[in-house]
Amino acid sequence: MFLPVVWLVSMRRATHRAANTLHANLQALKLLYTWATRDGIDIERRMSDGAFLTNGELAALVGASRQEIGQRGAKVVGLTKAKQSGVAVDVGVCRETSANRLRTIADYLGWLGREGYARLAPLEADARLSLCSAMLGHLRAMSPSGKGRNTVGMREGPSSEVMDTILASIEIDAANNPWQDLGLRVRNRLLINLFFALGLRRGEALGVRIESIDFRKATLTVVRAPDDPDDPRTYQPLAKTRDRILPLKEGLARMIEDYVLRIRSKIPGVRKHSFLFVSHQTGAPLSLVAVNKVFTSLRERVVGLPENLTPHVMRHAWNDAFSALMDRKQVTEERETQMRSMMMGWSPTSGTAAVYTRRHVREEARRASLAHQLSIVDGGKP
């Protein structure tokens, strides 16, 4: 399909969007074209000719955005009947996914509309631009906000007790260590410690090269390297955040050095590349799927771990630990935000921190609420 490819290359890939973002953009366009074809709409001709989508068509498009890609229509089953018969109720995608799809679709429709302006007289072009802007405004107004009101069950870091269990179970000599092979024990202990100690994303950890580590200065550099020609992985792990240099405590630096010298150096095939984490079967750079399997094994073989324990949950755990440390040191909120953004690779003005501090904020609110109740109900008695 010519126009979707032109739009993706010129308007998305040219601005260095991550591969996963480009894939999500294409999925959104797939949904648009599937919906338009099903309803007999030639979306490219309609936008080029200025016969923009009606409010009814926009509403239908918004409804389609809530379905799984490729789903032609959900079978309507009453909830009571579904529960009694064991029928799985398809609730579609979450509102955030629907909102993201519609944002991509709106950008693409606007681009299609502008393609038809060049052949028009200035006044006619201005009138059509106004109509196209109004259509896109209606689409955005109909789109989910992406922010639901329900805050219960949102992703948070594990409790301190769970983190103690995780760290104890991945010690080399732990009786409940999930891995029998010594090399895997050393590698996976290092991997999990990097997630928790530095708050790395999965793609960032897998992108670490040996030359990224300065053992003399005790630092690790996180680098964005999209479309790395030296990375043989089909799905290259990517750093979504900014480049940054992170400090390493002696124990963590020693753990890295131990893995490199004692384990990694003896695996066949590792000299073909310099990525730190490798498959111990082939020597190839460790894949995203392999990291997920590490956490699957951890959840299955260590008692008491939550079902949602993933590499990204460890990033939440780092933020909870960082919040507690800042509280103990009585660091100001402004300074804490600056430090957190730098360590996480966020923009200094980013509001992302709120996503990663839910547990800490909830615990603070809980303590404040109990203190307030104590002063009212119990007369200040503990």
Protein backbone atom coordinates (compact mmCIF):
# COMPACT_ATOMS: atom_id res chain seq x y z
CA MET A 1 0.00 0.00 0.00
CA PHE A 2 1.75 3.09 -1.30
CA LEU A 3 0.39 6.04 0.70
CA PRO A 4 0.67 4.44 4.17
CA VAL A 5 4.31 3.61 3.42
CA VAL A 6 5.04 7.16 2.20
CA TRP A 7 3.44 8.63 5.33
CA LEU A 8 5.28 6.25 7.66
CA VAL A 9 8.69 6.89 6.07
CA SER A 10 8.35 10.65 5.63
CA MET A 11 6.37 11.60 8.73
CA ARG A 12 7.36 8.96 11.29
CA ARG A 13 10.57 7.14 10.50
CA ALA A 14 12.31 10.33 9.43
CA THR A 15 11.85 11.65 12.98
CA HIS A 16 13.67 8.60 14.44
CA ARG A 17 10.66 6.93 16.01
CA ALA A 18 11.37 3.58 17.66
CA ALA A 19 10.62 0.39 15.72
CA ASN A 20 7.83 -0.56 18.14
CA THR A 21 6.23 2.85 17.63
CA LEU A 22 6.31 2.42 13.85
CA HIS A 23 4.75 -1.03 14.23
CA ALA A 24 1.95 0.44 16.37
CA ASN A 25 1.40 3.16 13.74
CA LEU A 26 1.01 0.51 11.04
CA GLN A 27 -1.41 -1.46 13.21
CA ALA A 28 -3.54 1.67 13.56
CA LEU A 29 -3.57 2.21 9.79
CA LYS A 30 -4.44 -1.46 9.30
CA LEU A 31 -7.47 -0.90 11.52
CA LEU A 32 -8.43 2.22 9.54
CA TYR A 33 -8.28 0.51 6.15
CA THR A 34 -10.02 -2.63 7.41
CA TRP A 35 -12.88 -0.55 8.82
CA ALA A 36 -13.12 1.64 5.69
CA THR A 37 -13.14 -1.36 3.32
CA ARG A 38 -15.79 -3.12 5.37
CA ASP A 39 -18.03 -0.03 5.24
CA GLY A 40 -17.40 0.64 1.53
CA ILE A 41 -15.33 3.78 2.08
CA ASP A 42 -12.44 4.64 -0.24
CA ILE A 43 -10.56 6.52 2.44
CA GLU A 44 -7.79 7.85 0.19
CA ARG A 45 -10.16 9.22 -2.48
CA ARG A 46 -12.56 10.67 0.08
CA MET A 47 -9.79 12.60 1.85
CA SER A 48 -8.12 13.73 -1.39
CA ASP A 49 -11.42 14.96 -2.85
CA GLY A 50 -12.47 16.77 0.31
CA ALA A 51 -15.45 14.46 0.97
CA PHE A 52 -14.47 14.13 4.60
CA LEU A 53 -15.90 11.63 7.06
CA THR A 54 -19.26 12.43 8.60
CA ASN A 55 -19.88 12.45 12.34
CA GLY A 56 -21.66 9.12 12.02
CA GLU A 57 -18.70 7.59 10.21
CA LEU A 58 -16.32 9.03 12.79
CA ALA A 59 -18.37 7.47 15.58
CA ALA A 60 -18.20 4.11 13.80
CA LEU A 61 -14.43 4.50 13.43
CA VAL A 62 -14.06 5.25 17.14
CA GLY A 63 -16.05 2.11 17.91
CA ALA A 64 -13.84 0.05 15.63
CA SER A 65 -10.73 1.37 17.39
CA ARG A 66 -11.79 -0.43 20.55
CA GLN A 67 -11.73 -3.85 18.91
CA GLU A 68 -8.80 -6.18 18.57
CA ILE A 69 -7.04 -5.82 15.21
CA GLY A 70 -8.72 -8.07 12.64
CA GLN A 71 -11.83 -8.60 14.75
CA ARG A 72 -14.88 -8.24 12.49
CA GLY A 73 -17.45 -7.96 15.22
CA ALA A 74 -17.99 -9.24 18.71
CA LYS A 75 -20.67 -11.77 19.50
CA VAL A 76 -23.10 -10.17 21.93
CA VAL A 77 -23.57 -12.32 25.03
CA GLY A 78 -25.20 -11.26 28.28
CA LEU A 79 -22.82 -11.15 31.23
CA THR A 80 -24.98 -13.44 33.35
CA LYS A 81 -25.25 -16.01 30.56
CA ALA A 82 -21.54 -15.74 29.87
CA LYS A 83 -20.68 -16.42 33.49
CA GLN A 84 -23.04 -19.39 33.63
CA SER A 85 -21.83 -20.94 30.39
CA GLY A 86 -18.16 -20.09 30.78
CA VAL A 87 -18.12 -18.03 27.56
CA ALA A 88 -15.16 -15.65 27.45
CA VAL A 89 -16.39 -12.07 27.18
CA ASP A 90 -14.34 -10.00 24.74
CA VAL A 91 -13.91 -6.55 26.23
CA GLY A 92 -11.67 -5.27 23.42
CA VAL A 93 -8.58 -3.16 23.93
CA CYS A 94 -8.05 -0.68 26.75
CA ARG A 95 -8.99 2.98 26.31
CA GLU A 96 -5.31 4.02 26.16
CA THR A 97 -4.71 1.73 23.17
CA SER A 98 -7.85 3.02 21.45
CA ALA A 99 -6.76 6.63 22.06
CA ASN A 100 -3.27 5.97 20.68
CA ARG A 101 -4.71 4.37 17.55
CA LEU A 102 -7.05 7.28 16.93
CA ARG A 103 -4.25 9.82 17.36
CA THR A 104 -2.26 8.02 14.67
CA ILE A 105 -5.31 7.80 12.41
CA ALA A 106 -6.06 11.50 12.86
CA ASP A 107 -2.49 12.42 11.90
CA TYR A 108 -2.69 10.21 8.81
CA LEU A 109 -6.11 11.51 7.72
CA GLY A 110 -4.85 15.08 8.09
CA TRP A 111 -1.85 14.23 5.93
CA LEU A 112 -4.09 12.63 3.28
CA GLY A 113 -6.32 15.69 3.30
CA ARG A 114 -3.40 18.06 2.79
CA GLU A 115 -2.23 16.03 -0.22
CA GLY A 116 -5.29 17.28 -2.12
CA TYR A 117 -4.77 21.02 -1.42
CA ALA A 118 -1.99 21.68 -3.95
CA ARG A 119 -4.23 21.57 -7.01
CA LEU A 120 -6.81 23.98 -5.58
CA ALA A 121 -7.11 27.74 -5.76
CA PRO A 122 -6.04 29.49 -2.51
CA LEU A 123 -9.56 30.32 -1.30
CA GLU A 124 -10.85 26.83 -2.06
CA ALA A 125 -7.79 25.30 -0.37
CA ASP A 126 -8.42 27.41 2.75
CA ALA A 127 -12.07 26.33 2.86
CA ARG A 128 -11.15 22.67 2.50
CA LEU A 129 -8.46 22.99 5.16
CA SER A 130 -11.06 24.42 7.52
CA LEU A 131 -13.42 21.49 6.85
CA CYS A 132 -10.62 18.95 7.34
CA SER A 133 -9.58 20.60 10.62
CA ALA A 134 -13.19 20.49 11.82
CA MET A 135 -13.43 16.76 10.99
CA LEU A 136 -10.20 16.02 12.85
CA GLY A 137 -11.43 18.09 15.77
CA HIS A 138 -14.61 16.00 15.94
CA LEU A 139 -12.55 12.79 15.80
CA ARG A 140 -10.29 13.89 18.63
CA ALA A 141 -13.30 15.01 20.69
CA MET A 142 -14.88 11.55 20.29
CA SER A 143 -11.66 9.74 21.20
CA PRO A 144 -11.12 8.31 24.69
CA SER A 145 -9.06 10.60 26.88
CA GLY A 146 -6.61 7.78 27.57
CA LYS A 147 -6.92 8.42 31.30
CA GLY A 148 -9.38 6.21 33.09
CA ARG A 149 -10.74 7.05 36.54
CA ASN A 150 -10.02 3.66 38.03
CA THR A 151 -6.70 3.65 39.90
CA VAL A 152 -7.12 0.26 41.56
CA GLY A 153 -4.97 -2.51 40.12
CA MET A 154 -2.66 -0.24 38.13
CA ARG A 155 0.92 -1.40 37.75
CA GLU A 156 3.12 -0.74 40.77
CA GLY A 157 6.47 -1.90 42.08
CA PRO A 158 6.60 -4.96 44.36
CA SER A 159 6.55 -4.47 48.12
CA SER A 160 9.87 -4.36 49.99
CA GLU A 161 9.15 -7.88 51.31
CA VAL A 162 8.74 -9.22 47.77
CA MET A 163 11.95 -7.51 46.67
CA ASP A 164 13.79 -9.11 49.60
CA THR A 165 12.48 -12.50 48.46
CA ILE A 166 13.58 -11.90 44.86
CA LEU A 167 17.08 -10.77 45.77
CA ALA A 168 17.58 -13.65 48.20
CA SER A 169 16.37 -16.26 45.69
CA ILE A 170 18.75 -15.17 42.92
CA GLU A 171 21.89 -15.45 45.04
CA ILE A 172 24.28 -17.99 43.53
CA ASP A 173 24.03 -20.45 46.43
CA ALA A 174 20.31 -19.93 47.22
CA ALA A 175 18.44 -23.22 47.68
CA ASN A 176 15.42 -21.89 45.77
CA ASN A 177 17.41 -20.35 42.90
CA PRO A 178 15.33 -21.16 39.78
CA TRP A 179 18.31 -22.12 37.59
CA GLN A 180 20.49 -25.21 37.90
CA ASP A 181 23.32 -24.07 35.63
CA LEU A 182 25.95 -21.93 37.39
CA GLY A 183 26.43 -19.69 34.35
CA LEU A 184 22.71 -18.91 34.17
CA ARG A 185 22.66 -18.17 37.89
CA VAL A 186 25.48 -15.66 37.48
CA ARG A 187 23.99 -14.06 34.36
CA ASN A 188 20.42 -13.81 35.65
CA ARG A 189 21.49 -12.48 39.05
CA LEU A 190 23.37 -9.70 37.25
CA LEU A 191 20.45 -8.99 34.89
CA ILE A 192 17.90 -8.69 37.70
CA ASN A 193 20.24 -6.59 39.83
CA LEU A 194 20.77 -4.17 36.93
CA PHE A 195 16.99 -3.78 36.59
CA PHE A 196 16.55 -3.05 40.29
CA ALA A 197 19.77 -1.16 41.05
CA LEU A 198 19.69 1.13 38.00
CA GLY A 199 16.03 1.12 36.98
CA LEU A 200 16.89 0.07 33.42
CA ARG A 201 14.29 -0.80 30.84
CA ARG A 202 14.47 -4.24 29.27
CA GLY A 203 15.74 -2.84 25.97
CA GLU A 204 18.32 -0.70 27.73
CA ALA A 205 19.78 -3.66 29.64
CA LEU A 206 20.01 -5.78 26.49
CA GLY A 207 21.67 -2.90 24.64
CA VAL A 208 24.54 -2.64 27.13
CA ARG A 209 27.89 -3.45 25.53
CA ILE A 210 31.08 -4.29 27.37
CA GLU A 211 32.58 -1.02 26.17
CA SER A 212 29.59 0.77 27.73
CA ILE A 213 31.07 -0.03 31.13
CA ASP A 214 34.00 1.97 32.50
CA PHE A 215 35.37 -0.13 35.36
CA ARG A 216 37.94 2.53 36.28
CA LYS A 217 35.31 5.27 36.71
CA ALA A 218 32.65 2.76 37.83
CA THR A 219 30.01 3.94 35.33
CA LEU A 220 27.61 2.39 32.83
CA THR A 221 26.49 4.36 29.78
CA VAL A 222 22.99 3.87 28.36
CA VAL A 223 22.98 4.73 24.65
CA ARG A 224 20.17 5.04 22.11
CA ALA A 225 21.15 3.03 19.03
CA PRO A 226 18.14 2.53 16.72
CA ASP A 227 18.74 0.37 13.64
CA ASP A 228 22.12 -0.75 14.95
CA PRO A 229 23.79 -2.54 11.99
CA ASP A 230 25.89 -4.62 14.41
CA ASP A 231 22.88 -6.02 16.25
CA PRO A 232 21.83 -9.35 14.67
CA ARG A 233 18.56 -9.65 16.59
CA THR A 234 15.38 -9.62 14.50
CA TYR A 235 13.65 -7.49 17.14
CA GLN A 236 16.34 -5.13 18.34
CA PRO A 237 15.96 -4.00 21.95
CA LEU A 238 15.80 -0.21 22.07
CA ALA A 239 16.41 2.49 24.65
CA LYS A 240 13.27 4.65 24.63
CA THR A 241 14.69 7.25 26.98
CA ARG A 242 17.66 9.64 26.79
CA ASP A 243 21.33 8.69 26.76
CA ARG A 244 22.80 8.87 30.25
CA ILE A 245 25.78 7.79 32.36
CA LEU A 246 24.88 5.87 35.52
CA PRO A 247 27.17 5.29 38.51
CA LEU A 248 28.03 1.75 39.64
CA LYS A 249 28.70 0.74 43.23
CA GLU A 250 31.69 -1.52 43.74
CA GLY A 251 29.55 -4.61 44.34
CA LEU A 252 27.58 -4.19 41.11
CA ALA A 253 30.70 -3.42 39.07
CA ARG A 254 32.35 -6.53 40.52
CA MET A 255 29.27 -8.58 39.59
CA ILE A 256 29.54 -7.40 35.97
CA GLU A 257 33.26 -8.13 35.85
CA ASP A 258 32.73 -11.61 37.30
CA TYR A 259 30.16 -12.47 34.63
CA VAL A 260 32.32 -11.11 31.77
CA LEU A 261 35.54 -12.84 32.80
CA ARG A 262 34.35 -16.06 34.38
CA ILE A 263 31.20 -16.94 32.39
CA ARG A 264 30.68 -14.93 29.21
CA SER A 265 34.25 -15.29 27.93
CA LYS A 266 33.92 -19.10 27.81
CA ILE A 267 30.76 -19.21 25.68
CA PRO A 268 31.33 -20.02 21.96
CA GLY A 269 30.38 -17.26 19.54
CA VAL A 270 30.57 -14.30 21.92
CA ARG A 271 33.54 -12.74 20.12
CA LYS A 272 31.26 -11.85 17.20
CA HIS A 273 29.76 -9.00 19.19
CA SER A 274 30.25 -7.02 22.40
CA PHE A 275 26.76 -7.10 23.95
CA LEU A 276 27.01 -7.88 27.65
CA PHE A 277 24.14 -10.34 27.99
CA VAL A 278 24.23 -13.40 25.74
CA SER A 279 22.50 -16.71 25.15
CA HIS A 280 24.56 -19.40 26.83
CA GLN A 281 23.62 -21.87 24.09
CA THR A 282 24.62 -19.90 20.99
CA GLY A 283 26.60 -16.92 22.25
CA ALA A 284 24.23 -14.58 20.39
CA PRO A 285 22.98 -11.40 22.09
CA LEU A 286 20.21 -12.21 24.55
CA SER A 287 16.74 -11.66 23.09
CA LEU A 288 13.72 -9.84 24.51
CA VAL A 289 11.83 -13.14 24.67
CA ALA A 290 14.66 -14.76 26.63
CA VAL A 291 14.49 -12.02 29.26
CA ASN A 292 10.76 -12.59 29.62
CA LYS A 293 11.46 -16.30 30.17
CA VAL A 294 13.88 -15.43 32.97
CA PHE A 295 11.05 -13.72 34.82
CA THR A 296 8.61 -16.51 33.99
CA SER A 297 10.98 -19.03 35.61
CA LEU A 298 11.39 -16.73 38.60
CA ARG A 299 7.63 -16.42 39.12
CA GLU A 300 7.01 -20.15 38.67
CA ARG A 301 9.76 -21.44 40.94
CA VAL A 302 9.94 -18.92 43.78
CA VAL A 303 7.01 -18.96 46.19
CA GLY A 304 5.25 -15.69 46.95
CA LEU A 305 6.07 -13.67 43.86
CA PRO A 306 3.28 -11.69 42.12
CA GLU A 307 1.96 -12.87 38.76
CA ASN A 308 2.68 -9.50 37.17
CA LEU A 309 6.41 -9.53 38.00
CA THR A 310 8.16 -8.41 34.79
CA PRO A 311 11.32 -6.47 33.93
CA HIS A 312 9.31 -3.26 33.75
CA VAL A 313 7.83 -3.81 37.21
CA MET A 314 11.43 -3.77 38.46
CA ARG A 315 11.68 -0.23 37.09
CA HIS A 316 8.75 0.67 39.31
CA ALA A 317 10.59 -1.00 42.22
CA TRP A 318 13.62 1.23 41.60
CA ASN A 319 11.42 4.32 41.73
CA ASP A 320 9.79 3.21 44.99
CA ALA A 321 13.20 2.64 46.56
CA PHE A 322 14.41 6.01 45.24
CA SER A 323 11.37 7.78 46.73
CA ALA A 324 12.00 6.20 50.12
CA LEU A 325 15.66 7.24 49.98
CA MET A 326 14.77 10.83 49.10
CA ASP A 327 12.30 10.93 52.01
CA ARG A 328 14.98 9.75 54.44
CA LYS A 329 17.42 12.35 53.14
CA GLN A 330 14.68 15.05 53.21
CA VAL A 331 15.38 16.10 49.62
CA THR A 332 13.04 18.77 48.28
CA GLU A 333 10.35 17.67 45.82
CA GLU A 334 11.78 19.82 43.03
CA ARG A 335 15.29 18.45 43.48
CA GLU A 336 13.99 14.88 43.74
CA THR A 337 12.13 15.27 40.43
CA GLN A 338 15.27 16.57 38.72
CA MET A 339 17.38 13.70 40.03
CA ARG A 340 14.80 11.07 39.16
CA SER A 341 14.36 12.38 35.63
CA MET A 342 18.11 12.34 35.07
CA MET A 343 18.52 8.77 36.33
CA MET A 344 15.53 7.50 34.35
CA GLY A 345 16.44 9.31 31.13
CA TRP A 346 13.34 11.50 31.09
CA SER A 347 13.02 15.11 30.04
CA PRO A 348 13.43 17.50 33.00
CA THR A 349 9.85 18.67 32.42
CA SER A 350 8.43 15.16 31.98
CA GLY A 351 5.45 14.13 34.09
CA THR A 352 6.30 10.44 33.76
CA ALA A 353 7.43 10.17 37.38
CA ALA A 354 3.82 9.98 38.56
CA VAL A 355 3.39 6.68 36.71
CA TYR A 356 6.30 5.11 38.60
CA THR A 357 5.60 6.36 42.12
CA ARG A 358 2.07 5.06 42.65
CA ARG A 359 2.95 2.67 45.49
CA HIS A 360 4.97 5.29 47.38
CA VAL A 361 2.30 7.97 46.98
CA ARG A 362 -0.43 5.51 47.97
CA GLU A 363 1.46 4.52 51.13
CA GLU A 364 2.01 8.17 52.04
CA ALA A 365 -1.69 8.88 51.50
CA ARG A 366 -2.60 5.84 53.62
CA ARG A 367 -0.46 7.03 56.52
CA ALA A 368 -1.89 10.55 56.27
CA SER A 369 -5.44 9.19 56.21
CA LEU A 370 -4.85 7.02 59.29
CA ALA A 371 -3.32 9.97 61.13
CA HIS A 372 -6.34 12.09 60.25
CA GLN A 373 -8.76 9.39 61.43
CA LEU A 374 -6.76 9.05 64.65
CA SER A 375 -7.19 12.74 65.43
CA ILE A 376 -10.96 12.62 64.83
CA VAL A 377 -12.23 9.21 65.92
CA ASP A 378 -9.85 8.12 68.64
CA GLY A 379 -9.11 11.49 70.17
CA GLY A 380 -5.47 11.29 69.22
CA LYS A 381 -4.88 7.97 71.01
CA PRO A 382 -2.64 5.53 69.09
